[in-house]
Amino acid sequence: MAATTGFQPHLAGADSSVVVVIDLQERLLPLIDGYERLTKNMVKLIRLAGLFGVPVILTEQYPQGLGRTTPVVKEAFDALTTEKHFVVKDSFSCNLEPTFIEKLVEIEQRMLVAQSRIMINDGIRPRPIDVIIAGIESHVCVWQTVMGLLPLEYYVRVVHDCVGSRDAANKKWALLSMLAMGALVTSHESVAFEWARDKNHPQFRAMNRIMKE
């Protein structure tokens, strides 16, 4: 795992990030406070990940009971031409599903190998691996996933405008608790601007178009 001693300030890199979309399912999502805005932001985050070539892992929690991923989110996921993985789970924490950890570690190892080549050739230190977390519910599956990732020494960024709970207070206190435990709370726009770095990035204009929709 990527070695850390707590969250070291740095910009997220498109070649060292993974987006995790947790349980945006059709029977639960309409119950979430502010779900329409959350859904719109989530679709943007997925499309932005695709634009910058960032891998996406989409999970579903017990789909027999909670239904499948809400169609608009699933359509955005299916439209990705970049790396993507789909994981079904019964555990609230993604980390307790072996397939999820296997996929995450596979992605991480490829990124570290690529960055090691950069370090050897150019003398640049490899970037830390950022796991970008979005989904529902903030105080259950998101919270437990974040709490499972932090001890594994990943850098965890929780996208506040892409997570939600049925009760707004549960989201508020979950975000504050995750922040206190060492995660970084951010927004989908902040993450995208970090991936771009500057206005000369070839995807900058396309990024802006997605954000303005």
C-alpha atoms as a PDB file:
ATOM      1  CA  MET A   1       0.000   0.000   0.000  1.00  0.00           C
ATOM      2  CA  ALA A   2       1.078   3.588  -0.500  1.00  0.00           C
ATOM      3  CA  ALA A   3       3.044   4.589   2.589  1.00  0.00           C
ATOM      4  CA  THR A   4       1.841   7.677   4.441  1.00  0.00           C
ATOM      5  CA  THR A   5       2.014   9.226   7.887  1.00  0.00           C
ATOM      6  CA  GLY A   6      -1.333  10.972   7.764  1.00  0.00           C
ATOM      7  CA  PHE A   7      -2.590  13.140   4.939  1.00  0.00           C
ATOM      8  CA  GLN A   8       0.336  14.957   3.335  1.00  0.00           C
ATOM      9  CA  PRO A   9      -0.886  18.046   1.409  1.00  0.00           C
ATOM     10  CA  HIS A  10      -0.617  17.507  -2.347  1.00  0.00           C
ATOM     11  CA  LEU A  11      -2.613  17.904  -5.534  1.00  0.00           C
ATOM     12  CA  ALA A  12      -4.424  14.813  -6.773  1.00  0.00           C
ATOM     13  CA  GLY A  13      -2.985  13.483 -10.034  1.00  0.00           C
ATOM     14  CA  ALA A  14      -5.072  11.936 -12.800  1.00  0.00           C
ATOM     15  CA  ASP A  15      -2.461   9.175 -13.089  1.00  0.00           C
ATOM     16  CA  SER A  16      -2.569   8.464  -9.352  1.00  0.00           C
ATOM     17  CA  SER A  17      -6.301   8.653  -8.541  1.00  0.00           C
ATOM     18  CA  VAL A  18      -9.130   6.128  -8.335  1.00  0.00           C
ATOM     19  CA  VAL A  19     -12.803   7.148  -8.112  1.00  0.00           C
ATOM     20  CA  VAL A  20     -15.082   4.923  -6.007  1.00  0.00           C
ATOM     21  CA  VAL A  21     -18.851   5.338  -6.507  1.00  0.00           C
ATOM     22  CA  ILE A  22     -20.743   3.671  -3.664  1.00  0.00           C
ATOM     23  CA  ASP A  23     -24.293   2.276  -3.897  1.00  0.00           C
ATOM     24  CA  LEU A  24     -26.272   4.895  -5.833  1.00  0.00           C
ATOM     25  CA  GLN A  25     -29.197   2.502  -6.145  1.00  0.00           C
ATOM     26  CA  GLU A  26     -32.711   3.179  -7.353  1.00  0.00           C
ATOM     27  CA  ARG A  27     -34.613   2.222  -4.183  1.00  0.00           C
ATOM     28  CA  LEU A  28     -32.402   4.177  -1.802  1.00  0.00           C
ATOM     29  CA  LEU A  29     -31.287   7.196  -3.807  1.00  0.00           C
ATOM     30  CA  PRO A  30     -34.712   8.964  -3.922  1.00  0.00           C
ATOM     31  CA  LEU A  31     -34.758   8.915  -0.104  1.00  0.00           C
ATOM     32  CA  ILE A  32     -31.490  10.849   0.158  1.00  0.00           C
ATOM     33  CA  ASP A  33     -31.590  14.506   1.167  1.00  0.00           C
ATOM     34  CA  GLY A  34     -30.874  16.596  -1.949  1.00  0.00           C
ATOM     35  CA  TYR A  35     -30.626  13.496  -4.148  1.00  0.00           C
ATOM     36  CA  GLU A  36     -31.298  15.293  -7.438  1.00  0.00           C
ATOM     37  CA  ARG A  37     -28.308  17.603  -7.040  1.00  0.00           C
ATOM     38  CA  LEU A  38     -26.190  14.726  -5.741  1.00  0.00           C
ATOM     39  CA  THR A  39     -27.085  12.622  -8.783  1.00  0.00           C
ATOM     40  CA  LYS A  40     -26.227  15.429 -11.196  1.00  0.00           C
ATOM     41  CA  ASN A  41     -22.863  15.982  -9.510  1.00  0.00           C
ATOM     42  CA  MET A  42     -22.169  12.256  -9.485  1.00  0.00           C
ATOM     43  CA  VAL A  43     -22.702  11.970 -13.224  1.00  0.00           C
ATOM     44  CA  LYS A  44     -20.330  14.903 -13.720  1.00  0.00           C
ATOM     45  CA  LEU A  45     -17.688  13.272 -11.512  1.00  0.00           C
ATOM     46  CA  ILE A  46     -17.879  10.017 -13.487  1.00  0.00           C
ATOM     47  CA  ARG A  47     -17.641  11.862 -16.800  1.00  0.00           C
ATOM     48  CA  LEU A  48     -14.729  13.942 -15.528  1.00  0.00           C
ATOM     49  CA  ALA A  49     -12.936  10.779 -14.435  1.00  0.00           C
ATOM     50  CA  GLY A  50     -13.398   9.391 -17.929  1.00  0.00           C
ATOM     51  CA  LEU A  51     -12.141  12.630 -19.458  1.00  0.00           C
ATOM     52  CA  PHE A  52      -8.896  12.467 -17.481  1.00  0.00           C
ATOM     53  CA  GLY A  53      -8.462   8.696 -17.729  1.00  0.00           C
ATOM     54  CA  VAL A  54      -9.062   8.039 -14.021  1.00  0.00           C
ATOM     55  CA  PRO A  55     -10.238   4.493 -13.165  1.00  0.00           C
ATOM     56  CA  VAL A  56     -13.727   4.172 -11.652  1.00  0.00           C
ATOM     57  CA  ILE A  57     -15.023   1.432  -9.340  1.00  0.00           C
ATOM     58  CA  LEU A  58     -18.834   1.285  -9.026  1.00  0.00           C
ATOM     59  CA  THR A  59     -20.409  -0.747  -6.218  1.00  0.00           C
ATOM     60  CA  GLU A  60     -23.902  -2.002  -5.446  1.00  0.00           C
ATOM     61  CA  GLN A  61     -25.056  -3.001  -1.971  1.00  0.00           C
ATOM     62  CA  TYR A  62     -27.387  -6.025  -1.898  1.00  0.00           C
ATOM     63  CA  PRO A  63     -29.120  -5.185  -5.223  1.00  0.00           C
ATOM     64  CA  GLN A  64     -31.853  -7.778  -4.587  1.00  0.00           C
ATOM     65  CA  GLY A  65     -33.172  -5.475  -1.876  1.00  0.00           C
ATOM     66  CA  LEU A  66     -31.990  -1.993  -2.885  1.00  0.00           C
ATOM     67  CA  GLY A  67     -32.315  -2.333  -6.642  1.00  0.00           C
ATOM     68  CA  ARG A  68     -29.702  -1.665  -9.273  1.00  0.00           C
ATOM     69  CA  THR A  69     -27.688   1.515  -9.810  1.00  0.00           C
ATOM     70  CA  THR A  70     -29.997   4.372 -10.755  1.00  0.00           C
ATOM     71  CA  PRO A  71     -30.141   4.511 -14.581  1.00  0.00           C
ATOM     72  CA  VAL A  72     -28.594   7.942 -15.169  1.00  0.00           C
ATOM     73  CA  VAL A  73     -25.536   7.017 -13.080  1.00  0.00           C
ATOM     74  CA  LYS A  74     -25.261   3.565 -14.673  1.00  0.00           C
ATOM     75  CA  GLU A  75     -25.443   5.125 -18.133  1.00  0.00           C
ATOM     76  CA  ALA A  76     -22.554   7.450 -17.294  1.00  0.00           C
ATOM     77  CA  PHE A  77     -20.564   4.503 -15.945  1.00  0.00           C
ATOM     78  CA  ASP A  78     -21.330   2.293 -18.940  1.00  0.00           C
ATOM     79  CA  ALA A  79     -20.315   5.105 -21.314  1.00  0.00           C
ATOM     80  CA  LEU A  80     -16.787   5.205 -19.885  1.00  0.00           C
ATOM     81  CA  THR A  81     -14.137   4.116 -22.343  1.00  0.00           C
ATOM     82  CA  THR A  82     -11.447   4.216 -19.663  1.00  0.00           C
ATOM     83  CA  GLU A  83     -10.792   1.628 -16.954  1.00  0.00           C
ATOM     84  CA  LYS A  84     -13.852   0.718 -14.885  1.00  0.00           C
ATOM     85  CA  HIS A  85     -14.888  -2.058 -12.508  1.00  0.00           C
ATOM     86  CA  PHE A  86     -18.259  -3.136 -11.085  1.00  0.00           C
ATOM     87  CA  VAL A  87     -18.506  -4.786  -7.664  1.00  0.00           C
ATOM     88  CA  VAL A  88     -21.546  -6.245  -5.874  1.00  0.00           C
ATOM     89  CA  LYS A  89     -21.283  -6.448  -2.094  1.00  0.00           C
ATOM     90  CA  ASP A  90     -23.216  -7.449   1.010  1.00  0.00           C
ATOM     91  CA  SER A  91     -20.934  -5.728   3.511  1.00  0.00           C
ATOM     92  CA  PHE A  92     -21.482  -2.054   4.259  1.00  0.00           C
ATOM     93  CA  SER A  93     -17.764  -1.321   3.897  1.00  0.00           C
ATOM     94  CA  CYS A  94     -16.393  -1.808   0.401  1.00  0.00           C
ATOM     95  CA  ASN A  95     -13.151  -3.024   1.983  1.00  0.00           C
ATOM     96  CA  LEU A  96     -14.835  -6.153   3.355  1.00  0.00           C
ATOM     97  CA  GLU A  97     -15.666  -7.278  -0.181  1.00  0.00           C
ATOM     98  CA  PRO A  98     -12.562  -9.157  -1.460  1.00  0.00           C
ATOM     99  CA  THR A  99     -13.241  -8.264  -5.100  1.00  0.00           C
ATOM    100  CA  PHE A 100     -13.166  -4.555  -4.280  1.00  0.00           C
ATOM    101  CA  ILE A 101      -9.800  -4.761  -2.546  1.00  0.00           C
ATOM    102  CA  GLU A 102      -8.393  -6.922  -5.343  1.00  0.00           C
ATOM    103  CA  LYS A 103      -9.380  -4.357  -7.982  1.00  0.00           C
ATOM    104  CA  LEU A 104      -8.109  -1.430  -5.927  1.00  0.00           C
ATOM    105  CA  VAL A 105      -4.746  -3.081  -5.274  1.00  0.00           C
ATOM    106  CA  GLU A 106      -4.390  -4.035  -8.951  1.00  0.00           C
ATOM    107  CA  ILE A 107      -4.953  -0.423  -9.983  1.00  0.00           C
ATOM    108  CA  GLU A 108      -2.588   0.846  -7.302  1.00  0.00           C
ATOM    109  CA  GLN A 109       0.210  -1.526  -8.315  1.00  0.00           C
ATOM    110  CA  ARG A 110       0.000  -0.482 -11.969  1.00  0.00           C
ATOM    111  CA  MET A 111       0.124   3.179 -10.947  1.00  0.00           C
ATOM    112  CA  LEU A 112       3.107   2.644  -8.673  1.00  0.00           C
ATOM    113  CA  VAL A 113       5.010   0.777 -11.394  1.00  0.00           C
ATOM    114  CA  ALA A 114       4.344   3.578 -13.876  1.00  0.00           C
ATOM    115  CA  GLN A 115       5.397   6.209 -11.366  1.00  0.00           C
ATOM    116  CA  SER A 116       8.545   4.265 -10.477  1.00  0.00           C
ATOM    117  CA  ARG A 117       9.591   4.535 -14.115  1.00  0.00           C
ATOM    118  CA  ILE A 118       9.027   8.302 -13.966  1.00  0.00           C
ATOM    119  CA  MET A 119      11.082   8.512 -10.783  1.00  0.00           C
ATOM    120  CA  ILE A 120      13.978   6.549 -12.319  1.00  0.00           C
ATOM    121  CA  ASN A 121      13.973   8.462 -15.583  1.00  0.00           C
ATOM    122  CA  ASP A 122      13.281  11.977 -14.333  1.00  0.00           C
ATOM    123  CA  GLY A 123      14.210  11.901 -10.662  1.00  0.00           C
ATOM    124  CA  ILE A 124      10.629  12.784  -9.617  1.00  0.00           C
ATOM    125  CA  ARG A 125       9.156  11.260  -6.479  1.00  0.00           C
ATOM    126  CA  PRO A 126       6.049   9.137  -7.169  1.00  0.00           C
ATOM    127  CA  ARG A 127       2.755  10.720  -6.192  1.00  0.00           C
ATOM    128  CA  PRO A 128       0.611   9.188  -3.432  1.00  0.00           C
ATOM    129  CA  ILE A 129      -2.458   7.198  -4.493  1.00  0.00           C
ATOM    130  CA  ASP A 130      -5.683   9.142  -3.927  1.00  0.00           C
ATOM    131  CA  VAL A 131      -8.957   7.269  -3.522  1.00  0.00           C
ATOM    132  CA  ILE A 132     -11.781   9.667  -4.423  1.00  0.00           C
ATOM    133  CA  ILE A 133     -14.931   8.605  -2.549  1.00  0.00           C
ATOM    134  CA  ALA A 134     -18.525   9.363  -3.582  1.00  0.00           C
ATOM    135  CA  GLY A 135     -21.893   7.732  -2.876  1.00  0.00           C
ATOM    136  CA  ILE A 136     -24.395   6.883  -0.166  1.00  0.00           C
ATOM    137  CA  GLU A 137     -25.031   6.781   2.653  1.00  0.00           C
ATOM    138  CA  SER A 138     -22.450   9.128   4.117  1.00  0.00           C
ATOM    139  CA  HIS A 139     -22.734   7.724   7.644  1.00  0.00           C
ATOM    140  CA  VAL A 140     -22.951   4.041   6.688  1.00  0.00           C
ATOM    141  CA  CYS A 141     -21.250   2.614   3.576  1.00  0.00           C
ATOM    142  CA  VAL A 142     -19.212   5.737   2.797  1.00  0.00           C
ATOM    143  CA  TRP A 143     -18.115   6.132   6.423  1.00  0.00           C
ATOM    144  CA  GLN A 144     -17.182   2.467   6.834  1.00  0.00           C
ATOM    145  CA  THR A 145     -15.305   2.411   3.529  1.00  0.00           C
ATOM    146  CA  VAL A 146     -13.294   5.491   4.459  1.00  0.00           C
ATOM    147  CA  MET A 147     -12.534   4.054   7.884  1.00  0.00           C
ATOM    148  CA  GLY A 148     -11.316   0.873   6.195  1.00  0.00           C
ATOM    149  CA  LEU A 149      -9.113   2.668   3.662  1.00  0.00           C
ATOM    150  CA  LEU A 150      -7.333   5.017   6.056  1.00  0.00           C
ATOM    151  CA  PRO A 151      -5.534   2.243   8.005  1.00  0.00           C
ATOM    152  CA  LEU A 152      -4.370   0.822   4.657  1.00  0.00           C
ATOM    153  CA  GLU A 153      -2.535   4.137   4.214  1.00  0.00           C
ATOM    154  CA  TYR A 154      -4.372   5.360   1.149  1.00  0.00           C
ATOM    155  CA  TYR A 155      -4.973   9.070   0.781  1.00  0.00           C
ATOM    156  CA  VAL A 156      -8.740   9.429   0.931  1.00  0.00           C
ATOM    157  CA  ARG A 157     -10.676  12.375  -0.521  1.00  0.00           C
ATOM    158  CA  VAL A 158     -14.427  12.466   0.188  1.00  0.00           C
ATOM    159  CA  VAL A 159     -16.398  14.472  -2.377  1.00  0.00           C
ATOM    160  CA  HIS A 160     -18.908  16.344  -0.210  1.00  0.00           C
ATOM    161  CA  ASP A 161     -21.262  17.259  -3.076  1.00  0.00           C
ATOM    162  CA  CYS A 162     -21.329  13.649  -4.290  1.00  0.00           C
ATOM    163  CA  VAL A 163     -22.197  11.971  -0.971  1.00  0.00           C
ATOM    164  CA  GLY A 164     -25.453  12.005   0.937  1.00  0.00           C
ATOM    165  CA  SER A 165     -27.649  10.565   3.659  1.00  0.00           C
ATOM    166  CA  ARG A 166     -31.384  10.473   4.254  1.00  0.00           C
ATOM    167  CA  ASP A 167     -30.866  12.859   7.158  1.00  0.00           C
ATOM    168  CA  ALA A 168     -28.723  15.936   6.445  1.00  0.00           C
ATOM    169  CA  ALA A 169     -27.346  15.838   9.994  1.00  0.00           C
ATOM    170  CA  ASN A 170     -25.954  12.336   9.414  1.00  0.00           C
ATOM    171  CA  LYS A 171     -24.070  13.596   6.360  1.00  0.00           C
ATOM    172  CA  LYS A 172     -22.731  16.621   8.249  1.00  0.00           C
ATOM    173  CA  TRP A 173     -21.376  14.633  11.181  1.00  0.00           C
ATOM    174  CA  ALA A 174     -20.032  11.845   8.982  1.00  0.00           C
ATOM    175  CA  LEU A 175     -18.030  14.366   6.942  1.00  0.00           C
ATOM    176  CA  LEU A 176     -16.723  16.074  10.083  1.00  0.00           C
ATOM    177  CA  SER A 177     -15.738  12.727  11.584  1.00  0.00           C
ATOM    178  CA  MET A 178     -13.990  11.534   8.410  1.00  0.00           C
ATOM    179  CA  LEU A 179     -12.129  14.835   8.234  1.00  0.00           C
ATOM    180  CA  ALA A 180     -11.023  14.472  11.840  1.00  0.00           C
ATOM    181  CA  MET A 181      -9.822  10.919  11.188  1.00  0.00           C
ATOM    182  CA  GLY A 182      -7.520  11.994   8.348  1.00  0.00           C
ATOM    183  CA  ALA A 183      -9.583  12.080   5.148  1.00  0.00           C
ATOM    184  CA  LEU A 184      -9.752  15.221   3.019  1.00  0.00           C
ATOM    185  CA  VAL A 185     -13.186  16.670   2.201  1.00  0.00           C
ATOM    186  CA  THR A 186     -13.368  18.207  -1.268  1.00  0.00           C
ATOM    187  CA  SER A 187     -15.756  18.821  -4.210  1.00  0.00           C
ATOM    188  CA  HIS A 188     -16.022  17.293  -7.673  1.00  0.00           C
ATOM    189  CA  GLU A 189     -14.904  20.583  -9.228  1.00  0.00           C
ATOM    190  CA  SER A 190     -11.861  20.848  -6.965  1.00  0.00           C
ATOM    191  CA  VAL A 191     -10.782  17.328  -7.876  1.00  0.00           C
ATOM    192  CA  ALA A 192     -11.138  18.009 -11.609  1.00  0.00           C
ATOM    193  CA  PHE A 193      -9.144  21.232 -11.407  1.00  0.00           C
ATOM    194  CA  GLU A 194      -6.396  19.336  -9.576  1.00  0.00           C
ATOM    195  CA  TRP A 195      -6.341  16.711 -12.341  1.00  0.00           C
ATOM    196  CA  ALA A 196      -6.066  19.473 -14.964  1.00  0.00           C
ATOM    197  CA  ARG A 197      -3.416  21.516 -13.118  1.00  0.00           C
ATOM    198  CA  ASP A 198      -3.606  24.496 -15.515  1.00  0.00           C
ATOM    199  CA  LYS A 199      -5.608  26.012 -18.365  1.00  0.00           C
ATOM    200  CA  ASN A 200      -3.275  24.525 -20.977  1.00  0.00           C
ATOM    201  CA  HIS A 201      -4.337  20.957 -20.243  1.00  0.00           C
ATOM    202  CA  PRO A 202      -5.792  19.441 -23.443  1.00  0.00           C
ATOM    203  CA  GLN A 203      -8.996  18.501 -21.587  1.00  0.00           C
ATOM    204  CA  PHE A 204      -9.499  21.871 -19.893  1.00  0.00           C
ATOM    205  CA  ARG A 205     -12.224  23.135 -22.215  1.00  0.00           C
ATOM    206  CA  ALA A 206     -14.099  19.839 -22.152  1.00  0.00           C
ATOM    207  CA  MET A 207     -13.858  19.883 -18.356  1.00  0.00           C
ATOM    208  CA  ASN A 208     -15.401  23.342 -18.231  1.00  0.00           C
ATOM    209  CA  ARG A 209     -18.254  22.276 -20.509  1.00  0.00           C
ATOM    210  CA  ILE A 210     -19.134  19.394 -18.197  1.00  0.00           C
ATOM    211  CA  MET A 211     -19.047  21.634 -15.135  1.00  0.00           C
ATOM    212  CA  LYS A 212     -21.361  24.199 -16.721  1.00  0.00           C
ATOM    213  CA  GLU A 213     -24.063  21.659 -17.637  1.00  0.00           C
END
